[in-house]
Amino acid sequence: MKKFLLAFLFLSSTSIFSQNVDIELFKDGFSDPLNLQHVNDDRLFVVEQGGKIKIIQGDGTVNPVPYLDISSIISSGNERGLLGLAFHPDYANNGYFYVNYTKPNGDTQVSRFSVDSGNPDLADENSELPIIGYAQPFSNHNGGNLAFGPDGYLYISSGDGGSGGDPGNRAQNIFELLGKLLRIDIDNPSGGNNYGIPADNPYAGNPDPGIKKEIWAYGLRNPWRFSFDFTENNLWIADVGQNNWEEINRVAGSEAGLNYGWRCYEGNHPFNTANCPPQSELTFPIAEYSHSNGCSITGGYVYRGSAHPEIEGLYFFADYCSGLIGSVDSSGSLVDYGDFSGNWVSFGEDANKELYIIDIGGAIYKIVAEPIIGTEDFSMENALTMLPNPTSTNVSFTLNGGKIQNIQLYDIGARIVISEENLSTNEKTISVSSLNSGIYFVKITSEKGQTAVKKLMVQ
C-alpha cells in the first residue's frame, strides 16, 4: 500500500498566511480539563481527568451538578483518567454517549452511558454498558480519544501500551489493539459483543481469529487526539513523538489499513527499523516539527466556523510543553503562531464550529483571528508554480506578481542540499540532476518575506 512522504520542515520564523491568531479566555475554574464536546445546542460539555463531565450553558454559567461523575470507578493522574467523550450522532433521540476511561487496575475501558430520562443536564450514572476494553502494560500512552466518523462508526485511539520505544513492538502487531486506531459499529452488535465489526474494516474478512478485526489503522505511538474534517472527509491524527519529532497525519477518511510507521519511524525519521516493512508500505506525516519547538503534540480540528474566515480550512494543533499553537494548511505548510502560556491538552468545537483550546491548568480559551493590518492580499501558494514535478534534470519556478528571493531544497532529514539566494527574479530554473532520486522539500521565499513550501519528487 503506497503512501508518499509528506513532511514539512518546521520554519517557525516565516508564514504565508495574512492573519494574527490569538486566544481569548472563555471559562476557567475547571479541574484538569481534558476534552470539550457539544450536542448541537448551545451547551458545552467539559471532561475533567478526575472523572467528571460538567456543562457550560449558553449564558456562560457552569451547572453546579456534573452531567456525569464516575470518579469512583476510574484511576486518574499522569496519563490516566477520564480521557475521551463522544456523543452518538442520534443523541437527540437515543440519549447515548460514550466515554473512554482508565480502570482502577490501569486498563482501558470504553463504555456507553445514557442521559437521564427526566433531565437533559444529567446522565444516568447507573446506565453504563461496557463496549470494549483492553489491558495496558504500562501507565502511559493510553490514547483515549473517541469520535464518530462520517460513516457513523465509533473510532477509538489506543496508544502503544507505554514505556519508551514500544518495547513490545505492539503498534506494528495486528494481533493486538494497542498502537491503533479502532473502528467499531455500536448500532449493530454481534459476536457476543456490545458492538459489531464494520464489513469494510481492513481485517474484517480475515480468517485468522487472532487478528484484531476492530483495527482501522496501526503503527501509532500515542494518538492522543484525532479528528474528522467532515467538509473534506479527511481524518487528521496528531501522534506524540518519542525523542525528536512530533507528527501530524492527514488521510482520506475512507483509507483503511494504513500503517503509520511507529516504532520503525518517528515522524519521517528512522527510529528502530529492525524487521520493519518497506518504506513504500508506510504512511508518513503531512507535517512534523522537532523537539526544539516542543515535546508533546496535541491535535485539534480544521477550522470550519464563520467568525474568522481568515483561518477557514486550517488544521490547528498545539504543544503541551512549549505552549506552541500552530496550523497546517491543505498543502502541508505549517505555521507557528507563537508560544502561549498554557499546557494545551485538547481542542474543542461548539455547535457553530468555532474553535476552543484547553489548558490542563483549568482554563478554556477561544481561538480568534484577524487580518494583519497593512498586509498585502496576496497568496504566494496560488501565484507560485514549480514545473516539472516529478523531474530528473531541472525544475523551474515562476512567481506571478512578485519576485523570488531565495530557494532552498531540503532532503527528508531536514538537510539543505541546494540553496539559491538573493535572486530577485520572477523565474528561476535549478538543476537537480546531482540529487539522488527521492522526495525533497522546497522552501521558496519572496522579496516581501512570504514563504511557501512544496514537495518535489526527483526521479
Protein backbone atom coordinates (compact mmCIF):
# COMPACT_ATOMS: atom_id res chain seq x y z
CA MET A 1 0.00 0.00 0.00
CA LYS A 2 1.64 3.22 -1.17
CA LYS A 3 1.77 6.47 0.70
CA PHE A 4 4.11 9.35 -0.07
CA LEU A 5 6.38 11.04 2.42
CA LEU A 6 4.77 14.40 3.05
CA ALA A 7 7.00 16.04 5.66
CA PHE A 8 7.27 19.73 6.33
CA LEU A 9 10.32 21.38 7.82
CA PHE A 10 9.34 23.46 10.83
CA LEU A 11 10.02 27.03 9.70
CA SER A 12 8.77 28.89 12.73
CA SER A 13 10.00 32.32 11.71
CA THR A 14 8.02 32.54 8.47
CA SER A 15 4.41 32.48 7.40
CA ILE A 16 2.45 32.60 4.15
CA PHE A 17 -0.77 33.48 5.99
CA SER A 18 -2.05 37.01 6.43
CA GLN A 19 -3.60 36.86 9.87
CA ASN A 20 -2.92 37.07 13.55
CA VAL A 21 -4.08 34.15 15.66
CA ASP A 22 -4.66 34.67 19.35
CA ILE A 23 -6.64 33.20 22.23
CA GLU A 24 -9.34 34.71 24.44
CA LEU A 25 -10.29 33.34 27.84
CA PHE A 26 -13.72 31.71 27.64
CA LYS A 27 -14.13 29.98 31.00
CA ASP A 28 -11.83 28.85 33.79
CA GLY A 29 -12.07 27.15 37.17
CA PHE A 30 -12.09 23.54 35.96
CA SER A 31 -10.08 20.69 37.49
CA ASP A 32 -7.68 19.17 34.95
CA PRO A 33 -9.97 19.57 31.91
CA LEU A 34 -9.04 17.25 29.02
CA ASN A 35 -11.81 17.45 26.45
CA LEU A 36 -14.72 19.55 25.22
CA GLN A 37 -17.75 18.42 23.19
CA HIS A 38 -21.21 19.62 22.18
CA VAL A 39 -24.57 18.05 21.28
CA ASN A 40 -25.67 20.52 18.58
CA ASP A 41 -27.12 23.01 21.03
CA ASP A 42 -25.57 25.92 22.94
CA ARG A 43 -24.18 23.77 25.76
CA LEU A 44 -20.54 22.68 26.03
CA PHE A 45 -19.52 19.52 27.90
CA VAL A 46 -16.16 19.67 29.66
CA VAL A 47 -14.40 16.41 30.53
CA GLU A 48 -12.26 16.50 33.66
CA GLN A 49 -9.49 13.96 34.09
CA GLY A 50 -10.68 13.01 37.58
CA GLY A 51 -13.93 11.56 36.24
CA LYS A 52 -16.48 14.36 35.94
CA ILE A 53 -18.21 15.89 32.93
CA LYS A 54 -19.50 19.42 33.51
CA ILE A 55 -21.85 21.54 31.42
CA ILE A 56 -21.25 25.14 30.40
CA GLN A 57 -24.60 26.67 29.49
CA GLY A 58 -25.07 29.07 26.61
CA ASP A 59 -25.01 32.04 29.00
CA GLY A 60 -21.56 31.00 30.26
CA THR A 61 -22.65 29.59 33.61
CA VAL A 62 -21.44 26.18 34.75
CA ASN A 63 -24.03 23.80 36.17
CA PRO A 64 -23.32 23.14 39.86
CA VAL A 65 -24.06 19.41 39.46
CA PRO A 66 -21.88 17.50 36.98
CA TYR A 67 -23.54 15.92 33.98
CA LEU A 68 -21.66 12.70 34.87
CA ASP A 69 -19.46 11.73 37.81
CA ILE A 70 -17.67 8.37 37.52
CA SER A 71 -14.68 9.35 39.67
CA SER A 72 -15.30 6.35 41.93
CA ILE A 73 -14.68 3.79 39.17
CA ILE A 74 -11.59 5.22 37.47
CA SER A 75 -7.90 5.74 38.16
CA SER A 76 -6.55 9.19 37.46
CA GLY A 77 -3.24 11.01 37.25
CA ASN A 78 -0.41 11.45 34.77
CA GLU A 79 -1.81 9.92 31.55
CA ARG A 80 -4.71 8.09 33.17
CA GLY A 81 -8.24 9.18 33.92
CA LEU A 82 -11.43 10.06 32.07
CA LEU A 83 -9.86 10.70 28.69
CA GLY A 84 -12.47 10.84 25.95
CA LEU A 85 -16.12 11.63 25.22
CA ALA A 86 -18.26 11.21 22.10
CA PHE A 87 -21.98 11.74 21.70
CA HIS A 88 -23.92 9.40 19.47
CA PRO A 89 -24.84 11.06 16.15
CA ASP A 90 -28.50 10.44 17.06
CA TYR A 91 -28.10 11.61 20.66
CA ALA A 92 -31.14 13.86 20.36
CA ASN A 93 -33.29 10.74 20.05
CA ASN A 94 -31.45 7.93 21.86
CA GLY A 95 -29.51 9.88 24.52
CA TYR A 96 -26.39 7.71 24.16
CA PHE A 97 -22.84 8.91 24.75
CA TYR A 98 -19.52 7.11 25.05
CA VAL A 99 -16.56 7.61 27.35
CA ASN A 100 -13.00 6.29 27.42
CA TYR A 101 -11.50 5.91 30.88
CA THR A 102 -8.78 4.14 32.81
CA LYS A 103 -10.00 1.50 35.23
CA PRO A 104 -8.52 1.23 38.76
CA ASN A 105 -6.22 -1.56 37.55
CA GLY A 106 -4.89 0.71 34.78
CA ASP A 107 -6.67 -0.95 31.84
CA THR A 108 -8.69 0.93 29.24
CA GLN A 109 -12.48 0.84 29.21
CA VAL A 110 -14.85 2.30 26.63
CA SER A 111 -18.46 2.36 27.79
CA ARG A 112 -21.83 3.74 26.80
CA PHE A 113 -23.97 5.83 29.14
CA SER A 114 -27.41 7.37 28.69
CA VAL A 115 -28.85 10.75 29.50
CA ASP A 116 -31.30 10.87 32.41
CA SER A 117 -34.83 10.43 31.09
CA GLY A 118 -36.13 13.37 33.11
CA ASN A 119 -33.26 15.88 32.98
CA PRO A 120 -31.21 16.70 29.85
CA ASP A 121 -28.43 18.16 32.03
CA LEU A 122 -27.84 14.90 33.88
CA ALA A 123 -26.65 11.47 32.82
CA ASP A 124 -27.90 8.24 34.28
CA GLU A 125 -24.82 7.06 36.18
CA ASN A 126 -26.31 3.57 36.51
CA SER A 127 -26.72 3.13 32.75
CA GLU A 128 -23.17 2.02 31.93
CA LEU A 129 -22.93 -0.54 29.15
CA PRO A 130 -19.33 -1.78 28.65
CA ILE A 131 -18.41 -1.65 24.96
CA ILE A 132 -14.75 -2.63 24.64
CA GLY A 133 -11.75 -2.82 26.97
CA TYR A 134 -8.13 -3.86 26.76
CA ALA A 135 -5.15 -4.28 29.06
CA GLN A 136 -2.46 -1.61 29.41
CA PRO A 137 1.03 -2.96 30.17
CA PHE A 138 2.30 0.46 31.35
CA SER A 139 0.72 3.59 32.77
CA ASN A 140 1.42 5.89 29.83
CA HIS A 141 0.40 6.06 26.16
CA ASN A 142 -3.26 5.28 26.70
CA GLY A 143 -4.55 7.25 23.73
CA GLY A 144 -8.14 7.76 24.81
CA ASN A 145 -9.81 9.83 22.12
CA LEU A 146 -13.26 8.94 20.79
CA ALA A 147 -15.03 10.31 17.71
CA PHE A 148 -17.78 9.31 15.34
CA GLY A 149 -16.76 9.41 11.72
CA PRO A 150 -18.82 10.50 8.71
CA ASP A 151 -19.76 6.82 8.32
CA GLY A 152 -21.47 6.75 11.73
CA TYR A 153 -18.93 4.33 13.24
CA LEU A 154 -17.11 4.95 16.51
CA TYR A 155 -13.34 5.47 16.23
CA ILE A 156 -11.07 4.89 19.25
CA SER A 157 -7.39 5.83 19.57
CA SER A 158 -5.15 3.48 21.52
CA GLY A 159 -1.52 4.16 22.40
CA ASP A 160 1.25 1.60 22.04
CA GLY A 161 0.99 0.48 25.67
CA GLY A 162 3.63 2.77 27.08
CA SER A 163 7.15 2.72 28.42
CA GLY A 164 9.50 4.08 25.72
CA GLY A 165 10.30 2.93 22.22
CA ASP A 166 7.39 0.46 22.14
CA PRO A 167 9.39 -2.38 23.73
CA GLY A 168 6.74 -4.96 22.84
CA ASN A 169 6.52 -3.75 19.23
CA ARG A 170 2.76 -3.61 19.78
CA ALA A 171 1.99 -0.79 17.34
CA GLN A 172 3.09 -2.96 14.40
CA ASN A 173 1.33 -6.06 15.71
CA ILE A 174 -2.16 -6.57 14.25
CA PHE A 175 -2.82 -9.27 16.84
CA GLU A 176 -3.03 -6.51 19.48
CA LEU A 177 -5.31 -3.50 19.91
CA LEU A 178 -2.54 -1.19 21.16
CA GLY A 179 -0.92 1.43 18.94
CA LYS A 180 -4.00 1.53 16.72
CA LEU A 181 -7.00 3.46 15.54
CA LEU A 182 -10.00 1.20 16.12
CA ARG A 183 -13.35 1.37 14.31
CA ILE A 184 -16.48 -0.32 15.59
CA ASP A 185 -20.21 -0.40 14.87
CA ILE A 186 -22.06 0.40 18.09
CA ASP A 187 -25.52 0.23 16.48
CA ASN A 188 -25.30 -3.38 15.31
CA PRO A 189 -23.70 -5.59 17.98
CA SER A 190 -22.67 -9.10 17.00
CA GLY A 191 -20.43 -11.98 18.00
CA GLY A 192 -21.41 -11.77 21.66
CA ASN A 193 -20.03 -8.22 21.97
CA ASN A 194 -21.81 -4.95 22.58
CA TYR A 195 -20.53 -3.74 19.21
CA GLY A 196 -20.07 -5.09 15.71
CA ILE A 197 -17.22 -5.12 13.19
CA PRO A 198 -17.91 -2.99 10.11
CA ALA A 199 -17.74 -5.16 7.00
CA ASP A 200 -15.21 -2.85 5.35
CA ASN A 201 -12.73 -2.85 8.24
CA PRO A 202 -9.40 -3.95 6.72
CA TYR A 203 -9.25 -7.30 8.56
CA ALA A 204 -12.99 -7.95 8.89
CA GLY A 205 -12.85 -10.90 6.49
CA ASN A 206 -9.52 -12.33 7.57
CA PRO A 207 -10.00 -15.94 8.69
CA ASP A 208 -7.23 -15.78 11.31
CA PRO A 209 -9.12 -15.49 14.62
CA GLY A 210 -6.15 -13.84 16.34
CA ILE A 211 -6.08 -10.76 14.11
CA LYS A 212 -7.99 -7.91 15.72
CA LYS A 213 -10.86 -7.12 13.41
CA GLU A 214 -11.50 -3.79 15.16
CA ILE A 215 -8.32 -2.31 13.65
CA TRP A 216 -8.79 0.52 11.16
CA ALA A 217 -5.16 1.75 11.17
CA TYR A 218 -1.96 0.86 13.02
CA GLY A 219 1.64 1.92 13.63
CA LEU A 220 0.74 4.72 16.06
CA ARG A 221 2.66 5.67 19.19
CA ASN A 222 0.21 7.76 21.20
CA PRO A 223 -2.54 9.29 19.04
CA TRP A 224 -3.78 11.42 21.92
CA ARG A 225 -6.10 13.46 19.72
CA PHE A 226 -7.56 12.88 16.25
CA SER A 227 -10.47 14.46 14.40
CA PHE A 228 -12.51 14.29 11.22
CA ASP A 229 -12.95 17.17 8.81
CA PHE A 230 -16.46 16.45 7.54
CA THR A 231 -16.14 19.13 4.83
CA GLU A 232 -13.25 17.43 3.04
CA ASN A 233 -13.90 13.96 4.53
CA ASN A 234 -10.35 13.79 5.87
CA LEU A 235 -9.01 12.18 9.02
CA TRP A 236 -6.34 14.09 10.97
CA ILE A 237 -4.20 12.30 13.57
CA ALA A 238 -1.61 14.01 15.76
CA ASP A 239 0.77 11.35 17.07
CA VAL A 240 3.00 12.15 20.05
CA GLY A 241 6.68 11.51 19.30
CA GLN A 242 9.45 9.75 21.20
CA ASN A 243 12.76 11.62 21.26
CA ASN A 244 12.86 14.18 18.48
CA TRP A 245 9.77 14.58 16.31
CA GLU A 246 6.05 15.33 16.66
CA GLU A 247 3.88 14.40 13.71
CA ILE A 248 0.59 15.29 12.03
CA ASN A 249 -1.09 12.83 9.69
CA ARG A 250 -3.85 13.56 7.20
CA VAL A 251 -5.54 10.92 5.05
CA ALA A 252 -8.85 10.46 3.34
CA GLY A 253 -11.43 9.24 5.83
CA SER A 254 -12.10 6.17 3.69
CA GLU A 255 -8.49 4.91 3.62
CA ALA A 256 -8.37 1.67 5.60
CA GLY A 257 -5.48 -0.43 6.86
CA LEU A 258 -2.81 2.28 6.80
CA ASN A 259 0.41 1.73 8.73
CA TYR A 260 1.70 5.00 10.21
CA GLY A 261 5.14 3.58 10.81
CA TRP A 262 5.83 3.58 14.55
CA ARG A 263 8.18 2.07 16.01
CA CYS A 264 10.03 1.87 12.69
CA TYR A 265 9.90 5.63 12.17
CA GLU A 266 9.42 8.64 14.38
CA GLY A 267 7.77 11.09 12.01
CA ASN A 268 9.77 10.79 8.80
CA HIS A 269 12.92 9.65 10.58
CA PRO A 270 14.15 6.10 11.21
CA PHE A 271 13.80 5.04 14.84
CA ASN A 272 14.04 1.25 15.03
CA THR A 273 13.70 -0.34 11.61
CA ALA A 274 14.53 -3.93 12.59
CA ASN A 275 12.05 -6.32 10.94
CA CYS A 276 10.01 -3.43 9.57
CA PRO A 277 8.04 -3.34 6.33
CA PRO A 278 9.48 -1.43 3.38
CA GLN A 279 9.06 2.33 3.43
CA SER A 280 6.69 2.15 0.46
CA GLU A 281 4.11 0.35 2.64
CA LEU A 282 4.05 3.05 5.31
CA THR A 283 2.09 6.28 5.62
CA PHE A 284 4.21 9.26 6.57
CA PRO A 285 3.03 12.56 8.06
CA ILE A 286 1.89 15.59 6.14
CA ALA A 287 3.77 17.75 8.67
CA GLU A 288 6.14 17.40 11.60
CA TYR A 289 8.13 19.56 13.99
CA SER A 290 11.21 18.90 16.08
CA HIS A 291 11.62 18.91 19.83
CA SER A 292 13.37 22.24 19.58
CA ASN A 293 9.80 23.60 19.33
CA GLY A 294 8.03 21.36 21.84
CA CYS A 295 7.77 17.81 23.16
CA SER A 296 4.16 16.55 23.01
CA ILE A 297 1.71 17.40 20.26
CA THR A 298 -1.99 17.99 20.89
CA GLY A 299 -4.12 17.57 17.80
CA GLY A 300 -7.10 19.76 17.06
CA TYR A 301 -9.57 20.40 14.27
CA VAL A 302 -9.82 22.00 10.87
CA TYR A 303 -11.48 25.35 11.46
CA ARG A 304 -14.92 25.39 9.81
CA GLY A 305 -16.51 28.24 11.75
CA SER A 306 -17.78 31.51 10.33
CA ALA A 307 -16.49 34.11 12.81
CA HIS A 308 -12.93 34.06 11.45
CA PRO A 309 -12.88 33.42 7.68
CA GLU A 310 -9.14 34.22 7.62
CA ILE A 311 -8.38 30.78 9.12
CA GLU A 312 -11.05 28.72 7.38
CA GLY A 313 -9.70 25.35 6.28
CA LEU A 314 -6.63 25.39 8.52
CA TYR A 315 -5.92 22.45 10.83
CA PHE A 316 -4.94 23.62 14.32
CA PHE A 317 -2.60 21.87 16.73
CA ALA A 318 -0.65 22.79 19.86
CA ASP A 319 2.17 21.55 22.06
CA TYR A 320 1.75 20.62 25.72
CA CYS A 321 5.30 21.55 26.74
CA SER A 322 6.18 24.73 24.87
CA GLY A 323 2.73 26.32 24.62
CA LEU A 324 3.06 26.47 20.85
CA ILE A 325 -0.12 26.93 18.81
CA GLY A 326 0.14 26.30 15.09
CA SER A 327 -1.73 25.34 11.96
CA VAL A 328 -1.28 23.26 8.82
CA ASP A 329 -2.94 24.11 5.52
CA SER A 330 -4.14 21.74 2.81
CA SER A 331 -0.72 21.67 1.13
CA GLY A 332 1.11 20.71 4.34
CA SER A 333 2.54 24.17 5.06
CA LEU A 334 2.96 24.61 8.81
CA VAL A 335 2.77 27.91 10.68
CA ASP A 336 3.85 28.64 14.25
CA TYR A 337 1.74 31.41 15.82
CA GLY A 338 3.96 31.58 18.88
CA ASP A 339 4.21 30.13 22.36
CA PHE A 340 1.28 30.83 24.67
CA SER A 341 1.16 30.35 28.42
CA GLY A 342 -0.74 27.08 28.57
CA ASN A 343 -0.25 23.34 28.82
CA TRP A 344 -2.51 22.52 25.89
CA VAL A 345 -4.19 19.12 26.15
CA SER A 346 -7.12 19.36 23.75
CA PHE A 347 -9.17 21.40 21.34
CA GLY A 348 -12.93 21.54 21.04
CA GLU A 349 -15.69 22.84 18.81
CA ASP A 350 -19.09 24.32 19.60
CA ALA A 351 -22.23 23.77 17.54
CA ASN A 352 -21.19 26.64 15.24
CA LYS A 353 -17.79 25.06 14.58
CA GLU A 354 -15.94 27.78 16.47
CA LEU A 355 -12.69 26.51 17.95
CA TYR A 356 -11.56 26.25 21.58
CA ILE A 357 -8.32 25.16 23.21
CA ILE A 358 -7.95 23.65 26.67
CA ASP A 359 -5.24 24.24 29.26
CA ILE A 360 -4.99 21.39 31.78
CA GLY A 361 -4.45 24.07 34.41
CA GLY A 362 -8.19 24.70 34.33
CA ALA A 363 -8.97 27.24 31.59
CA ILE A 364 -10.72 27.07 28.23
CA TYR A 365 -9.90 29.64 25.55
CA LYS A 366 -11.39 30.55 22.19
CA ILE A 367 -9.22 30.67 19.07
CA VAL A 368 -9.58 34.07 17.40
CA ALA A 369 -8.04 35.56 14.28
CA GLU A 370 -7.96 38.84 12.41
CA PRO A 371 -6.16 40.10 9.29
CA ILE A 372 -2.80 41.75 9.81
CA ILE A 373 -3.27 45.46 9.06
CA GLY A 374 -1.23 46.56 6.05
CA THR A 375 -0.50 43.07 4.76
CA GLU A 376 -0.99 42.81 1.01
CA ASP A 377 -3.76 40.43 -0.04
CA PHE A 378 -1.51 38.04 -1.90
CA SER A 379 -1.41 34.25 -1.81
CA MET A 380 2.03 33.05 -2.73
CA GLU A 381 0.78 29.47 -2.78
CA ASN A 382 -1.59 30.30 -5.66
CA ALA A 383 0.86 32.56 -7.52
CA LEU A 384 3.80 30.13 -7.48
CA THR A 385 4.36 27.33 -9.98
CA MET A 386 7.03 24.60 -9.87
CA LEU A 387 7.42 22.51 -13.04
CA PRO A 388 8.02 19.77 -13.94
CA ASN A 389 7.26 17.64 -10.91
CA PRO A 390 8.42 14.84 -10.86
CA THR A 391 11.70 15.70 -12.57
CA SER A 392 15.11 14.13 -13.16
CA THR A 393 17.04 17.11 -14.57
CA ASN A 394 15.77 20.63 -13.98
CA VAL A 395 12.91 22.30 -12.14
CA SER A 396 11.62 25.80 -12.90
CA PHE A 397 9.93 28.21 -10.51
CA THR A 398 7.67 31.08 -11.58
CA LEU A 399 6.15 33.63 -9.20
CA ASN A 400 3.38 35.68 -10.81
CA GLY A 401 3.03 39.15 -9.35
CA GLY A 402 6.19 39.01 -7.28
CA LYS A 403 9.89 38.18 -7.24
CA ILE A 404 11.67 35.14 -5.84
CA GLN A 405 14.42 35.99 -3.36
CA ASN A 406 15.64 32.58 -2.08
CA ILE A 407 15.13 28.91 -2.98
CA GLN A 408 16.24 26.11 -0.66
CA LEU A 409 15.90 22.37 -1.21
CA TYR A 410 15.83 20.05 1.81
CA ASP A 411 16.06 16.28 2.00
CA ILE A 412 13.79 14.34 4.37
CA GLY A 413 16.43 14.63 7.07
CA ALA A 414 15.96 18.43 7.06
CA ARG A 415 19.38 18.99 5.47
CA ILE A 416 19.80 21.73 2.85
CA VAL A 417 21.05 20.14 -0.38
CA ILE A 418 20.66 23.12 -2.76
CA SER A 419 20.45 26.81 -1.88
CA GLU A 420 19.98 29.76 -4.25
CA GLU A 421 19.92 33.19 -2.61
CA ASN A 422 19.49 36.88 -3.50
CA LEU A 423 17.81 36.02 -6.80
CA SER A 424 15.33 38.94 -7.21
CA THR A 425 13.62 37.36 -10.20
CA ASN A 426 10.17 36.06 -11.01
CA GLU A 427 11.57 32.98 -12.79
CA LYS A 428 14.37 30.60 -11.86
CA THR A 429 15.48 27.18 -13.14
CA ILE A 430 17.57 24.90 -10.94
CA SER A 431 19.38 21.70 -11.89
CA VAL A 432 18.63 18.70 -9.66
CA SER A 433 20.50 16.13 -11.74
CA SER A 434 23.09 15.70 -8.98
CA LEU A 435 20.48 14.62 -6.41
CA ASN A 436 19.56 11.05 -5.60
CA SER A 437 16.05 10.00 -6.51
CA GLY A 438 13.51 10.56 -3.75
CA ILE A 439 11.33 13.20 -2.13
CA TYR A 440 12.59 16.68 -1.33
CA PHE A 441 11.03 19.84 0.07
CA VAL A 442 11.50 23.25 -1.47
CA LYS A 443 11.20 26.44 0.52
CA ILE A 444 10.66 29.50 -1.68
CA THR A 445 10.92 32.99 -0.18
CA SER A 446 9.70 36.12 -1.96
CA GLU A 447 11.27 39.56 -1.77
CA LYS A 448 8.47 40.53 0.62
CA GLY A 449 9.40 37.76 3.03
CA GLN A 450 6.48 35.47 2.25
CA THR A 451 7.25 31.77 2.00
CA ALA A 452 5.81 28.62 0.52
CA VAL A 453 6.94 25.03 0.83
CA LYS A 454 6.38 22.46 -1.91
CA LYS A 455 7.12 18.78 -2.23
CA LEU A 456 9.41 17.81 -5.15
CA MET A 457 9.84 14.29 -6.48
CA VAL A 458 13.24 13.63 -8.07
CA GLN A 459 13.29 10.53 -10.26
